[in-house]
PDB file of all heavy atoms in Angstrom:
ATOM      1  N   ALA A   1      81.839 229.808  38.496  1.00  0.00           N
ATOM      2  CA  ALA A   1      83.046 229.095  38.778  1.00  0.00           C
ATOM      3  C   ALA A   1      84.200 229.580  37.918  1.00  0.00           C
ATOM      4  O   ALA A   1      85.350 229.755  38.346  1.00  0.00           O
ATOM      5  CB  ALA A   1      82.871 227.592  38.726  1.00  0.00           C
ATOM      6  N   SER A   2      83.881 229.752  36.634  1.00  0.00           N
ATOM      7  CA  SER A   2      84.955 230.173  35.738  1.00  0.00           C
ATOM      8  C   SER A   2      85.540 231.525  36.075  1.00  0.00           C
ATOM      9  O   SER A   2      86.735 231.744  36.060  1.00  0.00           O
ATOM     10  CB  SER A   2      84.439 230.142  34.305  1.00  0.00           C
ATOM     11  OG  SER A   2      83.302 230.957  34.166  1.00  0.00           O
ATOM     12  N   LEU A   3      84.612 232.475  36.367  1.00  0.00           N
ATOM     13  CA  LEU A   3      85.059 233.793  36.772  1.00  0.00           C
ATOM     14  C   LEU A   3      85.805 233.740  38.151  1.00  0.00           C
ATOM     15  O   LEU A   3      86.781 234.495  38.332  1.00  0.00           O
ATOM     16  CB  LEU A   3      83.896 234.773  36.871  1.00  0.00           C
ATOM     17  CG  LEU A   3      84.235 236.188  37.208  1.00  0.00           C
ATOM     18  CD1 LEU A   3      85.213 236.822  36.274  1.00  0.00           C
ATOM     19  CD2 LEU A   3      82.934 237.068  37.203  1.00  0.00           C
ATOM     20  N   ALA A   4      85.306 232.905  39.040  1.00  0.00           N
ATOM     21  CA  ALA A   4      85.960 232.724  40.384  1.00  0.00           C
ATOM     22  C   ALA A   4      87.392 232.317  40.206  1.00  0.00           C
ATOM     23  O   ALA A   4      88.369 232.841  40.856  1.00  0.00           O
ATOM     24  CB  ALA A   4      85.206 231.797  41.252  1.00  0.00           C
ATOM     25  N   LEU A   5      87.669 231.313  39.323  1.00  0.00           N
ATOM     26  CA  LEU A   5      88.975 230.820  39.058  1.00  0.00           C
ATOM     27  C   LEU A   5      89.840 231.952  38.473  1.00  0.00           C
ATOM     28  O   LEU A   5      91.047 232.077  38.864  1.00  0.00           O
ATOM     29  CB  LEU A   5      88.962 229.592  38.187  1.00  0.00           C
ATOM     30  CG  LEU A   5      90.253 228.929  38.004  1.00  0.00           C
ATOM     31  CD1 LEU A   5      90.723 228.327  39.301  1.00  0.00           C
ATOM     32  CD2 LEU A   5      90.135 227.810  36.959  1.00  0.00           C
ATOM     33  N   GLN A   6      89.304 232.771  37.561  1.00  0.00           N
ATOM     34  CA  GLN A   6      90.102 233.786  37.000  1.00  0.00           C
ATOM     35  C   GLN A   6      90.481 234.852  38.128  1.00  0.00           C
ATOM     36  O   GLN A   6      91.673 235.287  38.157  1.00  0.00           O
ATOM     37  CB  GLN A   6      89.358 234.546  35.921  1.00  0.00           C
ATOM     38  CG  GLN A   6      89.122 233.747  34.642  1.00  0.00           C
ATOM     39  CD  GLN A   6      88.202 234.342  33.603  1.00  0.00           C
ATOM     40  OE1 GLN A   6      87.359 235.138  34.036  1.00  0.00           O
ATOM     41  NE2 GLN A   6      88.464 234.037  32.327  1.00  0.00           N
ATOM     42  N   LEU A   7      89.553 235.254  38.967  1.00  0.00           N
ATOM     43  CA  LEU A   7      89.890 236.158  39.970  1.00  0.00           C
ATOM     44  C   LEU A   7      90.934 235.629  41.033  1.00  0.00           C
ATOM     45  O   LEU A   7      91.818 236.262  41.417  1.00  0.00           O
ATOM     46  CB  LEU A   7      88.559 236.506  40.735  1.00  0.00           C
ATOM     47  CG  LEU A   7      87.575 237.329  39.937  1.00  0.00           C
ATOM     48  CD1 LEU A   7      86.341 237.575  40.745  1.00  0.00           C
ATOM     49  CD2 LEU A   7      88.107 238.660  39.511  1.00  0.00           C
ATOM     50  N   LEU A   8      90.743 234.282  41.327  1.00  0.00           N
ATOM     51  CA  LEU A   8      91.631 233.603  42.287  1.00  0.00           C
ATOM     52  C   LEU A   8      93.131 233.647  41.773  1.00  0.00           C
ATOM     53  O   LEU A   8      94.049 233.784  42.497  1.00  0.00           O
ATOM     54  CB  LEU A   8      91.205 232.260  42.580  1.00  0.00           C
ATOM     55  CG  LEU A   8      91.876 231.470  43.669  1.00  0.00           C
ATOM     56  CD1 LEU A   8      91.786 232.260  45.030  1.00  0.00           C
ATOM     57  CD2 LEU A   8      91.327 230.113  43.843  1.00  0.00           C
ATOM     58  N   SER A   9      93.194 233.358  40.429  1.00  0.00           N
ATOM     59  CA  SER A   9      94.554 233.255  39.872  1.00  0.00           C
ATOM     60  C   SER A   9      95.183 234.655  39.464  1.00  0.00           C
ATOM     61  O   SER A   9      96.263 234.679  39.038  1.00  0.00           O
ATOM     62  CB  SER A   9      94.491 232.376  38.590  1.00  0.00           C
ATOM     63  OG  SER A   9      93.641 232.976  37.679  1.00  0.00           O
ATOM     64  N   GLY A  10      94.292 235.744  39.571  1.00  0.00           N
ATOM     65  CA  GLY A  10      94.800 237.041  39.282  1.00  0.00           C
ATOM     66  C   GLY A  10      94.635 237.386  37.768  1.00  0.00           C
ATOM     67  O   GLY A  10      95.028 238.366  37.312  1.00  0.00           O
ATOM     68  N   ALA A  11      94.010 236.416  36.980  1.00  0.00           N
ATOM     69  CA  ALA A  11      93.876 236.675  35.583  1.00  0.00           C
ATOM     70  C   ALA A  11      92.688 237.632  35.370  1.00  0.00           C
ATOM     71  O   ALA A  11      91.728 237.609  36.032  1.00  0.00           O
ATOM     72  CB  ALA A  11      93.674 235.388  34.822  1.00  0.00           C
ATOM     73  N   ALA A  12      92.802 238.437  34.348  1.00  0.00           N
ATOM     74  CA  ALA A  12      91.725 239.299  34.004  1.00  0.00           C
ATOM     75  C   ALA A  12      90.596 238.478  33.335  1.00  0.00           C
ATOM     76  O   ALA A  12      90.831 237.578  32.549  1.00  0.00           O
ATOM     77  CB  ALA A  12      92.143 240.379  33.030  1.00  0.00           C
ATOM     78  N   PRO A  13      89.225 238.753  33.579  1.00  0.00           N
ATOM     79  CA  PRO A  13      88.239 238.092  33.018  1.00  0.00           C
ATOM     80  C   PRO A  13      88.272 238.265  31.486  1.00  0.00           C
ATOM     81  O   PRO A  13      88.641 239.325  30.967  1.00  0.00           O
ATOM     82  CB  PRO A  13      86.923 238.738  33.587  1.00  0.00           C
ATOM     83  CG  PRO A  13      87.409 239.281  34.833  1.00  0.00           C
ATOM     84  CD  PRO A  13      88.830 239.756  34.591  1.00  0.00           C
ATOM     85  N   ALA A  14      87.966 237.207  30.700  1.00  0.00           N
ATOM     86  CA  ALA A  14      87.986 237.239  29.329  1.00  0.00           C
ATOM     87  C   ALA A  14      86.912 238.229  28.782  1.00  0.00           C
ATOM     88  O   ALA A  14      85.836 238.289  29.355  1.00  0.00           O
ATOM     89  CB  ALA A  14      87.827 235.882  28.709  1.00  0.00           C
ATOM     90  N   VAL A  15      87.312 238.963  27.731  1.00  0.00           N
ATOM     91  CA  VAL A  15      86.284 239.893  27.124  1.00  0.00           C
ATOM     92  C   VAL A  15      85.505 239.112  26.141  1.00  0.00           C
ATOM     93  O   VAL A  15      86.115 238.396  25.212  1.00  0.00           O
ATOM     94  CB  VAL A  15      86.998 241.040  26.463  1.00  0.00           C
ATOM     95  CG1 VAL A  15      85.976 241.983  25.764  1.00  0.00           C
ATOM     96  CG2 VAL A  15      87.851 241.802  27.496  1.00  0.00           C
ATOM     97  N   ALA A  16      84.206 239.113  26.167  1.00  0.00           N
ATOM     98  CA  ALA A  16      83.289 238.377  25.265  1.00  0.00           C
ATOM     99  C   ALA A  16      83.566 238.954  23.802  1.00  0.00           C
ATOM    100  O   ALA A  16      83.647 240.171  23.543  1.00  0.00           O
ATOM    101  CB  ALA A  16      81.877 238.569  25.696  1.00  0.00           C
ATOM    102  N   ALA A  17      83.654 238.012  22.878  1.00  0.00           N
ATOM    103  CA  ALA A  17      83.767 238.391  21.506  1.00  0.00           C
ATOM    104  C   ALA A  17      82.446 239.026  20.980  1.00  0.00           C
ATOM    105  O   ALA A  17      81.393 238.668  21.427  1.00  0.00           O
ATOM    106  CB  ALA A  17      84.192 237.243  20.647  1.00  0.00           C
ATOM    107  N   LYS A  18      82.689 239.934  20.057  1.00  0.00           N
ATOM    108  CA  LYS A  18      81.451 240.585  19.517  1.00  0.00           C
ATOM    109  C   LYS A  18      80.644 239.516  18.686  1.00  0.00           C
ATOM    110  O   LYS A  18      81.223 238.858  17.847  1.00  0.00           O
ATOM    111  CB  LYS A  18      81.911 241.748  18.608  1.00  0.00           C
ATOM    112  CG  LYS A  18      80.727 242.541  17.993  1.00  0.00           C
ATOM    113  CD  LYS A  18      81.209 243.687  17.194  1.00  0.00           C
ATOM    114  CE  LYS A  18      80.032 244.474  16.586  1.00  0.00           C
ATOM    115  NZ  LYS A  18      80.516 245.632  15.778  1.00  0.00           N
ATOM    116  N   PRO A  19      79.413 239.442  18.969  1.00  0.00           N
ATOM    117  CA  PRO A  19      78.589 238.429  18.306  1.00  0.00           C
ATOM    118  C   PRO A  19      78.467 238.766  16.774  1.00  0.00           C
ATOM    119  O   PRO A  19      78.379 239.856  16.375  1.00  0.00           O
ATOM    120  CB  PRO A  19      77.267 238.386  19.046  1.00  0.00           C
ATOM    121  CG  PRO A  19      77.117 239.798  19.620  1.00  0.00           C
ATOM    122  CD  PRO A  19      78.573 240.151  19.851  1.00  0.00           C
ATOM    123  N   THR A  20      78.388 237.690  16.013  1.00  0.00           N
ATOM    124  CA  THR A  20      78.154 237.900  14.582  1.00  0.00           C
ATOM    125  C   THR A  20      76.847 237.155  14.211  1.00  0.00           C
ATOM    126  O   THR A  20      76.573 236.096  14.778  1.00  0.00           O
ATOM    127  CB  THR A  20      79.369 237.321  13.754  1.00  0.00           C
ATOM    128  OG1 THR A  20      79.432 235.915  14.106  1.00  0.00           O
ATOM    129  CG2 THR A  20      80.610 238.022  14.064  1.00  0.00           C
ATOM    130  N   LEU A  21      76.144 237.736  13.210  1.00  0.00           N
ATOM    131  CA  LEU A  21      74.965 237.125  12.720  1.00  0.00           C
ATOM    132  C   LEU A  21      75.230 235.911  11.916  1.00  0.00           C
ATOM    133  O   LEU A  21      76.214 235.857  11.188  1.00  0.00           O
ATOM    134  CB  LEU A  21      74.140 238.146  11.905  1.00  0.00           C
ATOM    135  CG  LEU A  21      73.634 239.385  12.659  1.00  0.00           C
ATOM    136  CD1 LEU A  21      72.981 240.323  11.709  1.00  0.00           C
ATOM    137  CD2 LEU A  21      72.635 238.977  13.718  1.00  0.00           C
ATOM    138  N   PRO A  22      74.405 234.889  12.081  1.00  0.00           N
ATOM    139  CA  PRO A  22      74.578 233.639  11.158  1.00  0.00           C
ATOM    140  C   PRO A  22      74.290 234.058   9.688  1.00  0.00           C
ATOM    141  O   PRO A  22      73.507 234.907   9.433  1.00  0.00           O
ATOM    142  CB  PRO A  22      73.608 232.660  11.770  1.00  0.00           C
ATOM    143  CG  PRO A  22      72.551 233.521  12.436  1.00  0.00           C
ATOM    144  CD  PRO A  22      73.240 234.765  12.938  1.00  0.00           C
ATOM    145  N   PRO A  23      74.931 233.312   8.829  1.00  0.00           N
ATOM    146  CA  PRO A  23      74.636 233.557   7.424  1.00  0.00           C
ATOM    147  C   PRO A  23      73.256 233.127   7.110  1.00  0.00           C
ATOM    148  O   PRO A  23      72.759 232.177   7.755  1.00  0.00           O
ATOM    149  CB  PRO A  23      75.763 232.699   6.711  1.00  0.00           C
ATOM    150  CG  PRO A  23      76.075 231.693   7.681  1.00  0.00           C
ATOM    151  CD  PRO A  23      75.945 232.252   9.073  1.00  0.00           C
ATOM    152  N   PRO A  24      72.703 233.717   6.123  1.00  0.00           N
ATOM    153  CA  PRO A  24      71.331 233.292   5.753  1.00  0.00           C
ATOM    154  C   PRO A  24      71.328 231.869   5.171  1.00  0.00           C
ATOM    155  O   PRO A  24      72.321 231.361   4.653  1.00  0.00           O
ATOM    156  CB  PRO A  24      70.922 234.307   4.556  1.00  0.00           C
ATOM    157  CG  PRO A  24      72.206 234.775   4.067  1.00  0.00           C
ATOM    158  CD  PRO A  24      73.160 234.760   5.213  1.00  0.00           C
ATOM    159  N   MET A  25      70.174 231.245   5.257  1.00  0.00           N
ATOM    160  CA  MET A  25      69.925 229.871   4.752  1.00  0.00           C
ATOM    161  C   MET A  25      70.909 228.916   5.267  1.00  0.00           C
ATOM    162  O   MET A  25      71.495 227.967   4.582  1.00  0.00           O
ATOM    163  CB  MET A  25      70.061 229.953   3.213  1.00  0.00           C
ATOM    164  CG  MET A  25      69.102 230.861   2.515  1.00  0.00           C
ATOM    165  SD  MET A  25      67.343 230.364   2.835  1.00  0.00           S
ATOM    166  CE  MET A  25      67.243 228.821   2.026  1.00  0.00           C
ATOM    167  N   ARG A  26      71.237 229.009   6.668  1.00  0.00           N
ATOM    168  CA  ARG A  26      72.129 228.079   7.254  1.00  0.00           C
ATOM    169  C   ARG A  26      71.470 226.709   7.222  1.00  0.00           C
ATOM    170  O   ARG A  26      70.262 226.561   7.500  1.00  0.00           O
ATOM    171  CB  ARG A  26      72.476 228.438   8.637  1.00  0.00           C
ATOM    172  CG  ARG A  26      73.461 227.579   9.356  1.00  0.00           C
ATOM    173  CD  ARG A  26      73.650 228.125  10.834  1.00  0.00           C
ATOM    174  NE  ARG A  26      74.313 229.392  10.877  1.00  0.00           N
ATOM    175  CZ  ARG A  26      75.639 229.527  10.978  1.00  0.00           C
ATOM    176  NH1 ARG A  26      76.377 228.482  11.227  1.00  0.00           N
ATOM    177  NH2 ARG A  26      76.159 230.807  11.014  1.00  0.00           N
ATOM    178  N   PRO A  27      72.182 225.566   6.920  1.00  0.00           N
ATOM    179  CA  PRO A  27      71.558 224.299   6.843  1.00  0.00           C
ATOM    180  C   PRO A  27      70.922 223.980   8.227  1.00  0.00           C
ATOM    181  O   PRO A  27      71.422 224.362   9.266  1.00  0.00           O
ATOM    182  CB  PRO A  27      72.800 223.357   6.631  1.00  0.00           C
ATOM    183  CG  PRO A  27      73.828 224.286   5.991  1.00  0.00           C
ATOM    184  CD  PRO A  27      73.609 225.536   6.569  1.00  0.00           C
ATOM    185  N   PRO A  28      69.795 223.316   8.214  1.00  0.00           N
ATOM    186  CA  PRO A  28      69.060 222.956   9.376  1.00  0.00           C
ATOM    187  C   PRO A  28      69.935 222.253  10.445  1.00  0.00           C
ATOM    188  O   PRO A  28      69.748 222.470  11.635  1.00  0.00           O
ATOM    189  CB  PRO A  28      67.918 222.161   8.906  1.00  0.00           C
ATOM    190  CG  PRO A  28      67.732 222.487   7.503  1.00  0.00           C
ATOM    191  CD  PRO A  28      69.051 222.855   6.957  1.00  0.00           C
ATOM    192  N   ALA A  29      70.838 221.389  10.005  1.00  0.00           N
ATOM    193  CA  ALA A  29      71.658 220.699  10.969  1.00  0.00           C
ATOM    194  C   ALA A  29      72.389 221.553  11.901  1.00  0.00           C
ATOM    195  O   ALA A  29      72.788 221.112  13.015  1.00  0.00           O
ATOM    196  CB  ALA A  29      72.630 219.773  10.199  1.00  0.00           C
ATOM    197  N   ALA A  30      72.858 222.765  11.501  1.00  0.00           N
ATOM    198  CA  ALA A  30      73.594 223.694  12.284  1.00  0.00           C
ATOM    199  C   ALA A  30      72.756 224.127  13.473  1.00  0.00           C
ATOM    200  O   ALA A  30      73.317 224.755  14.443  1.00  0.00           O
ATOM    201  CB  ALA A  30      74.126 224.871  11.448  1.00  0.00           C
ATOM    202  N   PHE A  31      71.410 223.966  13.449  1.00  0.00           N
ATOM    203  CA  PHE A  31      70.595 224.570  14.564  1.00  0.00           C
ATOM    204  C   PHE A  31      70.209 223.413  15.507  1.00  0.00           C
ATOM    205  O   PHE A  31      69.339 223.642  16.406  1.00  0.00           O
ATOM    206  CB  PHE A  31      69.329 225.173  13.926  1.00  0.00           C
ATOM    207  CG  PHE A  31      69.637 226.383  13.129  1.00  0.00           C
ATOM    208  CD1 PHE A  31      69.771 226.338  11.768  1.00  0.00           C
ATOM    209  CD2 PHE A  31      69.829 227.647  13.710  1.00  0.00           C
ATOM    210  CE1 PHE A  31      70.000 227.468  11.036  1.00  0.00           C
ATOM    211  CE2 PHE A  31      70.119 228.777  12.977  1.00  0.00           C
ATOM    212  CZ  PHE A  31      70.210 228.680  11.586  1.00  0.00           C
ATOM    213  N   ILE A  32      70.763 222.187  15.333  1.00  0.00           N
ATOM    214  CA  ILE A  32      70.420 221.145  16.277  1.00  0.00           C
ATOM    215  C   ILE A  32      71.066 221.486  17.631  1.00  0.00           C
ATOM    216  O   ILE A  32      72.314 221.740  17.743  1.00  0.00           O
ATOM    217  CB  ILE A  32      70.882 219.861  15.706  1.00  0.00           C
ATOM    218  CG1 ILE A  32      70.127 219.413  14.445  1.00  0.00           C
ATOM    219  CG2 ILE A  32      70.739 218.674  16.783  1.00  0.00           C
ATOM    220  CD1 ILE A  32      70.646 218.144  13.761  1.00  0.00           C
ATOM    221  N   LYS A  33      70.316 221.413  18.670  1.00  0.00           N
ATOM    222  CA  LYS A  33      70.811 221.744  20.033  1.00  0.00           C
ATOM    223  C   LYS A  33      71.761 220.733  20.523  1.00  0.00           C
ATOM    224  O   LYS A  33      71.403 219.457  20.303  1.00  0.00           O
ATOM    225  CB  LYS A  33      69.675 221.965  21.014  1.00  0.00           C
ATOM    226  CG  LYS A  33      68.848 223.212  20.757  1.00  0.00           C
ATOM    227  CD  LYS A  33      67.682 223.304  21.734  1.00  0.00           C
ATOM    228  CE  LYS A  33      66.959 224.581  21.530  1.00  0.00           C
ATOM    229  NZ  LYS A  33      65.833 224.750  22.553  1.00  0.00           N
ATOM    230  N   PRO A  34      72.854 221.074  21.106  1.00  0.00           N
ATOM    231  CA  PRO A  34      73.728 220.005  21.756  1.00  0.00           C
ATOM    232  C   PRO A  34      72.999 219.336  22.867  1.00  0.00           C
ATOM    233  O   PRO A  34      72.139 219.852  23.459  1.00  0.00           O
ATOM    234  CB  PRO A  34      74.975 220.837  22.188  1.00  0.00           C
ATOM    235  CG  PRO A  34      74.397 222.203  22.441  1.00  0.00           C
ATOM    236  CD  PRO A  34      73.387 222.433  21.406  1.00  0.00           C
ATOM    237  N   ALA A  35      73.460 218.129  23.110  1.00  0.00           N
ATOM    238  CA  ALA A  35      72.959 217.372  24.259  1.00  0.00           C
ATOM    239  C   ALA A  35      73.070 218.124  25.540  1.00  0.00           C
ATOM    240  O   ALA A  35      74.142 218.728  25.800  1.00  0.00           O
ATOM    241  CB  ALA A  35      73.627 215.987  24.363  1.00  0.00           C
ATOM    242  N   ALA A  36      72.067 218.080  26.333  1.00  0.00           N
ATOM    243  CA  ALA A  36      72.088 218.758  27.692  1.00  0.00           C
ATOM    244  C   ALA A  36      73.150 218.140  28.513  1.00  0.00           C
ATOM    245  O   ALA A  36      73.336 216.865  28.537  1.00  0.00           O
ATOM    246  CB  ALA A  36      70.753 218.706  28.324  1.00  0.00           C
TER     247      ALA A  36
END
């Protein structure tokens, strides 16, 4: 749906940002999955 809306409005699809590795020893709380 997000890409469909971009095409419909004539906007260019967003370019995905280059992923970055997480810093070492990240606190465990940062890895808690968001609610579904």
